[in-house]
């Protein structure tokens, strides 16, 4: 199943610990011509833990990164470019619940 959003897609969803998930980004940063986009991920419902910036690869007019789901609970993510401009859902970020 593909989870589609105006700025990104996640495949597969739902996801479990150990799954490899492909996130494709085609939002505001991409539309504005970013030369590099990073996927920032973290886990946790109130505060982010295990925060990591993943360098995304340009694929056509989108940016793509495959990550491995490391923990159950809430996976949070947002996007930034090399100039430190953010696409973060107006400060709310995006999240998915991961099963064990």
N, C-alpha and C. Protein backbone atom coordinates (compact mmCIF):
# COMPACT_ATOMS: atom_id res chain seq x y z
N UNK A 1 0.84 -1.18 0.00
CA UNK A 1 0.00 0.00 0.00
C UNK A 1 0.89 1.25 0.00
N UNK A 2 0.53 2.21 -0.82
CA UNK A 2 1.22 3.49 -0.89
C UNK A 2 0.44 4.51 -0.09
N UNK A 3 1.10 5.24 0.79
CA UNK A 3 0.46 6.34 1.49
C UNK A 3 0.88 7.61 0.78
N UNK A 4 -0.08 8.29 0.16
CA UNK A 4 0.22 9.48 -0.63
C UNK A 4 -0.19 10.74 0.12
N UNK A 5 0.64 11.73 0.05
CA UNK A 5 0.43 13.04 0.66
C UNK A 5 0.83 14.05 -0.41
N UNK A 6 0.31 15.27 -0.36
CA UNK A 6 0.70 16.25 -1.39
C UNK A 6 2.21 16.48 -1.52
N UNK A 7 2.98 16.31 -0.43
CA UNK A 7 4.41 16.59 -0.46
C UNK A 7 5.28 15.34 -0.55
N UNK A 8 4.73 14.17 -0.22
CA UNK A 8 5.57 12.97 -0.17
C UNK A 8 4.72 11.72 -0.30
N UNK A 9 5.41 10.58 -0.49
CA UNK A 9 4.76 9.28 -0.44
C UNK A 9 5.65 8.33 0.37
N UNK A 10 5.02 7.37 1.02
CA UNK A 10 5.71 6.37 1.84
C UNK A 10 5.24 5.00 1.39
N UNK A 11 6.20 4.09 1.15
CA UNK A 11 5.86 2.74 0.72
C UNK A 11 6.81 1.74 1.37
N UNK A 12 6.36 0.70 1.98
CA UNK A 12 4.96 0.36 2.20
C UNK A 12 4.45 0.95 3.51
N UNK A 13 3.14 1.08 3.60
CA UNK A 13 2.47 1.40 4.86
C UNK A 13 1.29 0.45 4.97
N UNK A 14 0.98 -0.05 6.13
CA UNK A 14 1.70 0.18 7.39
C UNK A 14 3.06 -0.51 7.38
N UNK A 15 3.92 -0.08 8.27
CA UNK A 15 5.28 -0.61 8.36
C UNK A 15 5.54 -1.18 9.74
N UNK A 16 6.49 -2.13 9.79
CA UNK A 16 6.87 -2.77 11.06
C UNK A 16 8.38 -2.61 11.27
N UNK A 17 8.81 -2.80 12.50
CA UNK A 17 10.24 -2.75 12.82
C UNK A 17 10.98 -3.73 11.91
N UNK A 18 12.07 -3.28 11.33
CA UNK A 18 12.87 -4.09 10.43
C UNK A 18 12.54 -3.89 8.96
N UNK A 19 11.36 -3.35 8.66
CA UNK A 19 10.98 -3.10 7.26
C UNK A 19 11.87 -2.02 6.66
N UNK A 20 12.07 -2.12 5.37
CA UNK A 20 12.71 -1.05 4.61
C UNK A 20 11.60 -0.24 3.97
N UNK A 21 11.62 1.06 4.18
CA UNK A 21 10.56 1.95 3.72
C UNK A 21 11.16 2.98 2.77
N UNK A 22 10.49 3.20 1.65
CA UNK A 22 10.94 4.19 0.68
C UNK A 22 10.08 5.44 0.83
N UNK A 23 10.75 6.57 1.06
CA UNK A 23 10.07 7.86 1.18
C UNK A 23 10.48 8.70 -0.01
N UNK A 24 9.47 9.18 -0.75
CA UNK A 24 9.71 10.05 -1.91
C UNK A 24 9.13 11.41 -1.60
N UNK A 25 9.92 12.45 -1.85
CA UNK A 25 9.52 13.82 -1.55
C UNK A 25 9.40 14.62 -2.84
N UNK A 26 8.28 15.35 -2.95
CA UNK A 26 8.06 16.20 -4.12
C UNK A 26 7.34 17.49 -3.71
N UNK A 27 7.66 17.98 -2.52
CA UNK A 27 6.99 19.14 -1.96
C UNK A 27 7.66 20.46 -2.28
N UNK A 28 7.41 21.43 -1.43
CA UNK A 28 7.82 22.82 -1.64
C UNK A 28 9.31 22.99 -1.94
N UNK A 29 10.17 22.32 -1.19
CA UNK A 29 11.62 22.47 -1.43
C UNK A 29 12.00 21.99 -2.82
N UNK A 30 11.41 20.89 -3.23
CA UNK A 30 11.67 20.35 -4.56
C UNK A 30 11.14 21.30 -5.64
N UNK A 31 9.95 21.81 -5.41
CA UNK A 31 9.33 22.73 -6.37
C UNK A 31 10.12 24.03 -6.50
N UNK A 32 10.83 24.42 -5.45
CA UNK A 32 11.61 25.67 -5.46
C UNK A 32 13.03 25.46 -5.96
N UNK A 33 13.35 24.25 -6.43
CA UNK A 33 14.65 24.00 -7.05
C UNK A 33 15.79 23.68 -6.10
N UNK A 34 15.51 23.08 -4.96
CA UNK A 34 16.58 22.73 -4.02
C UNK A 34 17.65 21.89 -4.70
N UNK A 35 18.92 22.18 -4.41
CA UNK A 35 20.02 21.41 -5.00
C UNK A 35 20.27 20.12 -4.23
N UNK A 36 19.77 20.03 -2.97
CA UNK A 36 19.88 18.82 -2.17
C UNK A 36 18.76 18.86 -1.14
N UNK A 37 18.16 17.70 -0.90
CA UNK A 37 17.11 17.58 0.13
C UNK A 37 17.53 16.49 1.10
N UNK A 38 17.26 16.72 2.39
CA UNK A 38 17.53 15.77 3.45
C UNK A 38 16.23 15.38 4.13
N UNK A 39 16.12 14.12 4.46
CA UNK A 39 15.01 13.59 5.22
C UNK A 39 15.46 13.50 6.68
N UNK A 40 14.82 14.25 7.57
CA UNK A 40 15.15 14.16 9.00
C UNK A 40 14.14 13.22 9.64
N UNK A 41 14.65 12.19 10.34
CA UNK A 41 13.78 11.24 11.02
C UNK A 41 14.11 11.21 12.51
N UNK A 42 13.14 10.79 13.28
CA UNK A 42 13.30 10.60 14.71
C UNK A 42 12.13 9.79 15.24
N UNK A 43 12.30 9.22 16.40
CA UNK A 43 11.26 8.39 17.01
C UNK A 43 10.80 9.01 18.32
N UNK A 44 9.52 8.83 18.63
CA UNK A 44 8.99 9.30 19.91
C UNK A 44 7.75 10.14 19.74
N UNK A 45 6.87 10.11 20.73
CA UNK A 45 5.62 10.84 20.61
C UNK A 45 5.71 12.28 21.13
N UNK A 46 6.52 12.52 22.15
CA UNK A 46 6.62 13.89 22.67
C UNK A 46 7.94 14.54 22.24
N UNK A 47 9.05 13.85 22.45
CA UNK A 47 10.36 14.34 22.05
C UNK A 47 10.98 13.35 21.08
N UNK A 48 11.71 13.86 20.11
CA UNK A 48 12.36 13.00 19.12
C UNK A 48 13.62 12.38 19.71
N UNK A 49 13.80 11.08 19.46
CA UNK A 49 15.03 10.37 19.79
C UNK A 49 15.59 9.77 18.51
N UNK A 50 16.85 9.38 18.54
CA UNK A 50 17.48 8.77 17.37
C UNK A 50 17.30 9.64 16.12
N UNK A 51 17.59 10.92 16.26
CA UNK A 51 17.42 11.86 15.14
C UNK A 51 18.55 11.67 14.14
N UNK A 52 18.17 11.63 12.86
CA UNK A 52 19.17 11.44 11.82
C UNK A 52 18.74 12.17 10.56
N UNK A 53 19.69 12.81 9.89
CA UNK A 53 19.45 13.45 8.60
C UNK A 53 19.95 12.52 7.50
N UNK A 54 19.05 12.09 6.64
CA UNK A 54 19.37 11.19 5.53
C UNK A 54 19.46 12.01 4.25
N UNK A 55 20.57 11.91 3.57
CA UNK A 55 20.73 12.59 2.27
C UNK A 55 19.87 11.86 1.25
N UNK A 56 18.97 12.57 0.61
CA UNK A 56 18.07 11.97 -0.37
C UNK A 56 18.71 12.03 -1.76
N UNK A 57 18.30 11.12 -2.62
CA UNK A 57 18.79 11.07 -4.01
C UNK A 57 17.74 11.64 -4.94
N UNK A 58 18.18 12.41 -5.93
CA UNK A 58 17.27 12.98 -6.93
C UNK A 58 16.87 11.89 -7.92
N UNK A 59 15.57 11.70 -8.09
CA UNK A 59 15.01 10.72 -9.03
C UNK A 59 13.95 11.44 -9.83
N UNK A 60 14.29 11.81 -11.06
CA UNK A 60 13.35 12.60 -11.87
C UNK A 60 13.13 13.95 -11.22
N UNK A 61 11.86 14.29 -10.96
CA UNK A 61 11.56 15.56 -10.31
C UNK A 61 11.26 15.39 -8.82
N UNK A 62 11.64 14.23 -8.26
CA UNK A 62 11.42 13.94 -6.84
C UNK A 62 12.75 13.61 -6.16
N UNK A 63 12.70 13.53 -4.83
CA UNK A 63 13.82 13.10 -4.01
C UNK A 63 13.40 11.83 -3.31
N UNK A 64 14.34 10.88 -3.17
CA UNK A 64 13.99 9.57 -2.64
C UNK A 64 15.04 9.07 -1.65
N UNK A 65 14.56 8.37 -0.61
CA UNK A 65 15.46 7.73 0.35
C UNK A 65 14.77 6.50 0.90
N UNK A 66 15.52 5.40 0.98
CA UNK A 66 15.02 4.19 1.61
C UNK A 66 15.68 4.08 2.98
N UNK A 67 14.85 3.90 4.00
CA UNK A 67 15.37 3.76 5.36
C UNK A 67 14.86 2.46 5.96
N UNK A 68 15.55 1.98 6.99
CA UNK A 68 15.11 0.80 7.73
C UNK A 68 14.44 1.27 9.01
N UNK A 69 13.26 0.75 9.29
CA UNK A 69 12.54 1.10 10.51
C UNK A 69 13.26 0.45 11.69
N UNK A 70 13.72 1.26 12.63
CA UNK A 70 14.55 0.78 13.75
C UNK A 70 13.78 0.51 15.03
N UNK A 71 12.68 1.23 15.26
CA UNK A 71 11.98 1.14 16.54
C UNK A 71 10.47 1.15 16.31
N UNK A 72 9.74 0.55 17.26
CA UNK A 72 8.29 0.67 17.19
C UNK A 72 7.87 1.96 17.86
N UNK A 73 6.62 2.32 17.68
CA UNK A 73 6.12 3.57 18.24
C UNK A 73 5.90 4.57 17.13
N UNK A 74 6.27 5.80 17.36
CA UNK A 74 6.01 6.86 16.40
C UNK A 74 7.27 7.25 15.64
N UNK A 75 7.23 7.11 14.32
CA UNK A 75 8.30 7.59 13.44
C UNK A 75 7.90 8.98 12.97
N UNK A 76 8.74 9.96 13.23
CA UNK A 76 8.50 11.35 12.83
C UNK A 76 9.47 11.72 11.72
N UNK A 77 9.03 12.60 10.83
CA UNK A 77 9.95 13.06 9.81
C UNK A 77 9.53 14.40 9.23
N UNK A 78 10.50 15.07 8.63
CA UNK A 78 10.32 16.31 7.91
C UNK A 78 11.46 16.41 6.90
N UNK A 79 11.52 17.51 6.17
CA UNK A 79 12.51 17.66 5.10
C UNK A 79 13.18 19.02 5.21
N UNK A 80 14.46 19.08 4.79
CA UNK A 80 15.16 20.36 4.72
C UNK A 80 16.08 20.32 3.51
N UNK A 81 16.48 21.51 3.05
CA UNK A 81 17.41 21.57 1.92
C UNK A 81 18.79 22.01 2.41
N UNK A 82 19.73 22.14 1.49
CA UNK A 82 21.11 22.47 1.86
C UNK A 82 21.24 23.91 2.38
N UNK A 83 20.25 24.77 2.13
CA UNK A 83 20.26 26.14 2.63
C UNK A 83 19.52 26.24 3.97
N UNK A 84 19.16 25.09 4.55
CA UNK A 84 18.47 25.00 5.83
C UNK A 84 17.05 25.56 5.81
N UNK A 85 16.40 25.48 4.63
CA UNK A 85 14.97 25.77 4.52
C UNK A 85 14.24 24.47 4.84
N UNK A 86 13.11 24.57 5.56
CA UNK A 86 12.41 23.39 6.05
C UNK A 86 11.03 23.24 5.42
N UNK A 87 10.63 22.01 5.21
CA UNK A 87 9.25 21.65 4.90
C UNK A 87 8.86 20.69 6.01
N UNK A 88 8.15 21.22 7.02
CA UNK A 88 7.88 20.45 8.23
C UNK A 88 6.41 20.53 8.66
N UNK A 89 5.51 20.62 7.68
CA UNK A 89 4.07 20.61 7.97
C UNK A 89 3.72 21.74 8.94
N UNK A 90 4.24 22.94 8.65
CA UNK A 90 3.99 24.12 9.49
C UNK A 90 4.39 23.90 10.95
N UNK A 91 5.52 23.21 11.15
CA UNK A 91 6.04 22.96 12.49
C UNK A 91 5.47 21.73 13.17
N UNK A 92 4.53 21.06 12.55
CA UNK A 92 3.91 19.87 13.15
C UNK A 92 4.61 18.57 12.74
N UNK A 93 5.42 18.62 11.68
CA UNK A 93 6.10 17.44 11.12
C UNK A 93 5.06 16.40 10.69
N UNK A 94 5.53 15.25 10.26
CA UNK A 94 4.65 14.15 9.88
C UNK A 94 5.04 12.94 10.70
N UNK A 95 4.12 12.02 10.91
CA UNK A 95 4.45 10.83 11.71
C UNK A 95 3.59 9.65 11.30
N UNK A 96 4.14 8.46 11.58
CA UNK A 96 3.47 7.19 11.37
C UNK A 96 3.68 6.32 12.61
N UNK A 97 2.68 5.53 12.94
CA UNK A 97 2.82 4.58 14.03
C UNK A 97 3.41 3.29 13.48
N UNK A 98 4.48 2.83 14.12
CA UNK A 98 5.19 1.63 13.71
C UNK A 98 4.88 0.50 14.70
N UNK A 99 4.49 -0.65 14.17
CA UNK A 99 4.22 -1.82 15.00
C UNK A 99 5.50 -2.62 15.22
N UNK A 100 5.56 -3.34 16.31
CA UNK A 100 6.73 -4.14 16.66
C UNK A 100 7.00 -5.32 15.81
